[in-house]
N, C-alpha and C. Protein backbone atom coordinates (compact mmCIF):
# COMPACT_ATOMS: atom_id res chain seq x y z
N MET A 1 -4.03 10.16 0.46
CA MET A 1 -3.59 11.13 -0.51
C MET A 1 -3.65 12.54 0.06
N LYS A 2 -4.62 12.78 0.92
CA LYS A 2 -4.73 14.10 1.53
C LYS A 2 -3.50 14.41 2.37
N LEU A 3 -3.04 13.43 3.13
CA LEU A 3 -1.84 13.63 3.95
C LEU A 3 -0.63 13.91 3.07
N GLU A 4 -0.49 13.17 1.98
CA GLU A 4 0.64 13.42 1.08
C GLU A 4 0.60 14.84 0.54
N GLY A 5 -0.59 15.34 0.27
CA GLY A 5 -0.74 16.71 -0.19
C GLY A 5 -0.26 17.72 0.84
N MET A 6 -0.24 17.29 2.10
CA MET A 6 0.23 18.15 3.20
C MET A 6 1.70 17.89 3.52
N GLY A 7 2.35 17.05 2.70
CA GLY A 7 3.77 16.77 2.90
C GLY A 7 4.07 15.60 3.81
N VAL A 8 3.07 14.81 4.17
CA VAL A 8 3.27 13.66 5.04
C VAL A 8 3.37 12.41 4.17
N ALA A 9 4.48 11.72 4.24
CA ALA A 9 4.66 10.50 3.46
C ALA A 9 3.66 9.44 3.93
N THR A 10 3.01 8.79 2.98
CA THR A 10 2.03 7.76 3.31
C THR A 10 2.19 6.56 2.39
N VAL A 11 1.73 5.43 2.86
CA VAL A 11 1.68 4.23 2.05
C VAL A 11 0.37 3.53 2.36
N PRO A 12 -0.54 3.47 1.40
CA PRO A 12 -1.77 2.73 1.64
C PRO A 12 -1.46 1.23 1.68
N ILE A 13 -2.15 0.52 2.55
CA ILE A 13 -1.97 -0.92 2.67
C ILE A 13 -3.35 -1.56 2.59
N ALA A 14 -3.47 -2.58 1.75
CA ALA A 14 -4.75 -3.25 1.57
C ALA A 14 -4.49 -4.72 1.27
N THR A 15 -5.55 -5.51 1.36
CA THR A 15 -5.40 -6.90 0.94
C THR A 15 -5.56 -6.97 -0.57
N ASN A 16 -5.00 -8.02 -1.15
CA ASN A 16 -5.03 -8.15 -2.61
C ASN A 16 -6.44 -8.24 -3.17
N GLU A 17 -7.40 -8.58 -2.36
CA GLU A 17 -8.80 -8.62 -2.78
C GLU A 17 -9.28 -7.23 -3.22
N PHE A 18 -8.69 -6.19 -2.68
CA PHE A 18 -9.12 -4.83 -2.96
C PHE A 18 -8.21 -4.08 -3.93
N MET A 19 -7.31 -4.80 -4.60
CA MET A 19 -6.35 -4.17 -5.51
C MET A 19 -7.05 -3.38 -6.62
N THR A 20 -7.99 -3.98 -7.29
CA THR A 20 -8.68 -3.29 -8.39
C THR A 20 -9.41 -2.06 -7.89
N ALA A 21 -10.11 -2.20 -6.78
CA ALA A 21 -10.86 -1.07 -6.22
C ALA A 21 -9.92 0.04 -5.76
N ALA A 22 -8.80 -0.30 -5.14
CA ALA A 22 -7.86 0.71 -4.66
C ALA A 22 -7.25 1.47 -5.83
N ARG A 23 -6.90 0.75 -6.88
CA ARG A 23 -6.31 1.40 -8.05
C ARG A 23 -7.34 2.29 -8.75
N ALA A 24 -8.58 1.82 -8.83
CA ALA A 24 -9.63 2.62 -9.45
C ALA A 24 -9.88 3.90 -8.65
N GLN A 25 -9.87 3.79 -7.34
CA GLN A 25 -10.10 4.97 -6.48
C GLN A 25 -8.97 5.97 -6.64
N ALA A 26 -7.73 5.48 -6.68
CA ALA A 26 -6.60 6.38 -6.86
C ALA A 26 -6.69 7.10 -8.20
N ALA A 27 -7.05 6.37 -9.25
CA ALA A 27 -7.20 6.98 -10.57
C ALA A 27 -8.32 8.01 -10.57
N ALA A 28 -9.42 7.69 -9.93
CA ALA A 28 -10.56 8.61 -9.87
C ALA A 28 -10.20 9.89 -9.14
N LEU A 29 -9.24 9.80 -8.22
CA LEU A 29 -8.81 10.97 -7.46
C LEU A 29 -7.63 11.68 -8.13
N GLY A 30 -7.33 11.27 -9.37
CA GLY A 30 -6.27 11.93 -10.12
C GLY A 30 -4.87 11.45 -9.82
N ARG A 31 -4.73 10.32 -9.16
CA ARG A 31 -3.41 9.78 -8.80
C ARG A 31 -3.29 8.33 -9.24
N PRO A 32 -3.32 8.05 -10.54
CA PRO A 32 -3.31 6.66 -11.01
C PRO A 32 -2.06 5.87 -10.61
N GLY A 33 -0.96 6.54 -10.32
CA GLY A 33 0.26 5.86 -9.91
C GLY A 33 0.39 5.65 -8.42
N PHE A 34 -0.60 6.08 -7.65
CA PHE A 34 -0.56 5.97 -6.19
C PHE A 34 -1.09 4.59 -5.81
N ASP A 35 -0.21 3.61 -5.81
CA ASP A 35 -0.62 2.23 -5.57
C ASP A 35 -0.34 1.83 -4.12
N ALA A 36 -1.15 0.93 -3.65
CA ALA A 36 -1.00 0.42 -2.28
C ALA A 36 0.03 -0.70 -2.23
N VAL A 37 0.40 -1.06 -1.03
CA VAL A 37 1.14 -2.29 -0.77
C VAL A 37 0.07 -3.31 -0.41
N TYR A 38 0.14 -4.47 -1.03
CA TYR A 38 -0.92 -5.46 -0.84
C TYR A 38 -0.42 -6.68 -0.07
N VAL A 39 -1.28 -7.16 0.82
CA VAL A 39 -1.02 -8.39 1.57
C VAL A 39 -2.11 -9.39 1.21
N ALA A 40 -1.87 -10.64 1.55
CA ALA A 40 -2.83 -11.70 1.24
C ALA A 40 -4.17 -11.47 1.95
N HIS A 41 -5.21 -11.87 1.28
CA HIS A 41 -6.58 -11.77 1.79
C HIS A 41 -7.04 -13.18 2.15
N PRO A 42 -7.83 -13.36 3.16
CA PRO A 42 -8.36 -12.39 4.11
C PRO A 42 -7.43 -12.23 5.31
N ILE A 43 -7.75 -11.24 6.14
CA ILE A 43 -6.96 -11.07 7.36
C ILE A 43 -7.81 -11.21 8.63
N GLN A 44 -9.12 -11.07 8.49
CA GLN A 44 -9.96 -11.04 9.70
C GLN A 44 -9.93 -12.34 10.50
N ASP A 45 -9.62 -13.46 9.85
CA ASP A 45 -9.60 -14.73 10.58
C ASP A 45 -8.19 -15.19 10.94
N GLN A 46 -7.22 -14.29 10.79
CA GLN A 46 -5.83 -14.64 11.07
C GLN A 46 -5.48 -14.36 12.53
N THR A 47 -4.54 -15.12 13.02
CA THR A 47 -4.05 -14.88 14.38
C THR A 47 -3.12 -13.67 14.35
N ALA A 48 -2.83 -13.14 15.50
CA ALA A 48 -1.91 -12.00 15.58
C ALA A 48 -0.56 -12.37 14.98
N GLU A 49 -0.11 -13.58 15.20
CA GLU A 49 1.16 -14.04 14.66
C GLU A 49 1.13 -14.10 13.13
N GLU A 50 0.03 -14.56 12.57
CA GLU A 50 -0.10 -14.63 11.11
C GLU A 50 -0.14 -13.23 10.49
N ILE A 51 -0.83 -12.32 11.14
CA ILE A 51 -0.88 -10.94 10.64
C ILE A 51 0.49 -10.30 10.75
N ARG A 52 1.19 -10.56 11.83
CA ARG A 52 2.55 -10.04 12.00
C ARG A 52 3.45 -10.54 10.88
N ALA A 53 3.31 -11.80 10.50
CA ALA A 53 4.12 -12.37 9.42
C ALA A 53 3.80 -11.67 8.10
N ARG A 54 2.54 -11.37 7.85
CA ARG A 54 2.17 -10.67 6.62
C ARG A 54 2.74 -9.25 6.62
N ALA A 55 2.70 -8.62 7.77
CA ALA A 55 3.27 -7.27 7.87
C ALA A 55 4.78 -7.31 7.66
N ASP A 56 5.43 -8.29 8.27
CA ASP A 56 6.88 -8.43 8.09
C ASP A 56 7.25 -8.62 6.63
N ALA A 57 6.40 -9.33 5.89
CA ALA A 57 6.69 -9.62 4.48
C ALA A 57 6.69 -8.36 3.61
N VAL A 58 5.97 -7.33 4.01
CA VAL A 58 5.90 -6.10 3.21
C VAL A 58 6.59 -4.91 3.88
N LEU A 59 7.16 -5.11 5.04
CA LEU A 59 7.75 -4.02 5.80
C LEU A 59 8.83 -3.28 5.02
N GLU A 60 9.71 -4.00 4.37
CA GLU A 60 10.79 -3.35 3.62
C GLU A 60 10.23 -2.46 2.50
N GLU A 61 9.22 -2.94 1.80
CA GLU A 61 8.61 -2.12 0.74
C GLU A 61 7.97 -0.86 1.31
N ILE A 62 7.31 -0.99 2.45
CA ILE A 62 6.69 0.17 3.08
C ILE A 62 7.75 1.20 3.47
N ILE A 63 8.82 0.74 4.09
CA ILE A 63 9.90 1.65 4.49
C ILE A 63 10.52 2.32 3.27
N GLU A 64 10.75 1.55 2.20
CA GLU A 64 11.32 2.12 0.98
C GLU A 64 10.43 3.22 0.42
N ARG A 65 9.14 2.98 0.41
CA ARG A 65 8.22 4.00 -0.12
C ARG A 65 8.17 5.23 0.78
N LEU A 66 8.18 5.02 2.08
CA LEU A 66 8.13 6.15 3.01
C LEU A 66 9.39 7.00 2.96
N THR A 67 10.50 6.37 2.73
CA THR A 67 11.77 7.10 2.73
C THR A 67 12.17 7.57 1.35
N GLY A 68 11.41 7.18 0.34
CA GLY A 68 11.70 7.62 -1.01
C GLY A 68 12.75 6.81 -1.73
N SER A 69 13.27 5.77 -1.13
CA SER A 69 14.31 4.98 -1.80
C SER A 69 13.72 3.99 -2.79
N HIS A 70 12.39 3.87 -2.81
CA HIS A 70 11.73 2.96 -3.74
C HIS A 70 11.78 3.52 -5.15
N GLY A 71 11.72 4.82 -5.29
CA GLY A 71 11.81 5.45 -6.60
C GLY A 71 10.48 5.68 -7.27
N SER A 72 9.64 4.67 -7.33
CA SER A 72 8.32 4.82 -7.95
C SER A 72 7.44 3.68 -7.48
N THR A 73 6.16 3.85 -7.68
CA THR A 73 5.23 2.78 -7.33
C THR A 73 5.17 1.80 -8.48
N ALA A 74 4.59 0.65 -8.25
CA ALA A 74 4.47 -0.38 -9.27
C ALA A 74 3.76 0.13 -10.51
N LEU A 75 2.77 0.98 -10.33
CA LEU A 75 2.00 1.48 -11.47
C LEU A 75 2.76 2.53 -12.27
N GLU A 76 3.75 3.16 -11.68
CA GLU A 76 4.49 4.20 -12.38
C GLU A 76 5.67 3.63 -13.16
N GLU A 77 6.03 2.39 -12.88
CA GLU A 77 7.20 1.79 -13.56
C GLU A 77 6.89 1.39 -14.97
C-alpha cells in the first residue's frame, strides 16, 4: 500500500490460507477494498513447476490489476 501511495501500481499475492488476515490488515490500514490475488495453499512443499502453474493461473488477473483494466478489486465490486 505504501508503494501505491507513491504512484507505483502493486498487487499483493498470498495463499488462500491468509485471505482473512490479508483483508483484515487492509481494512485496518484504511483500505478495505485493497484485496490480494490468492493462490492455493500451501506452496512451500511445491516443486518449481507446480508453483509456476499456480502463478500462470493468476497471471492475467495480476496484469489486469497492474494495468488498471480490471476496474476494481473483488471487495469493491
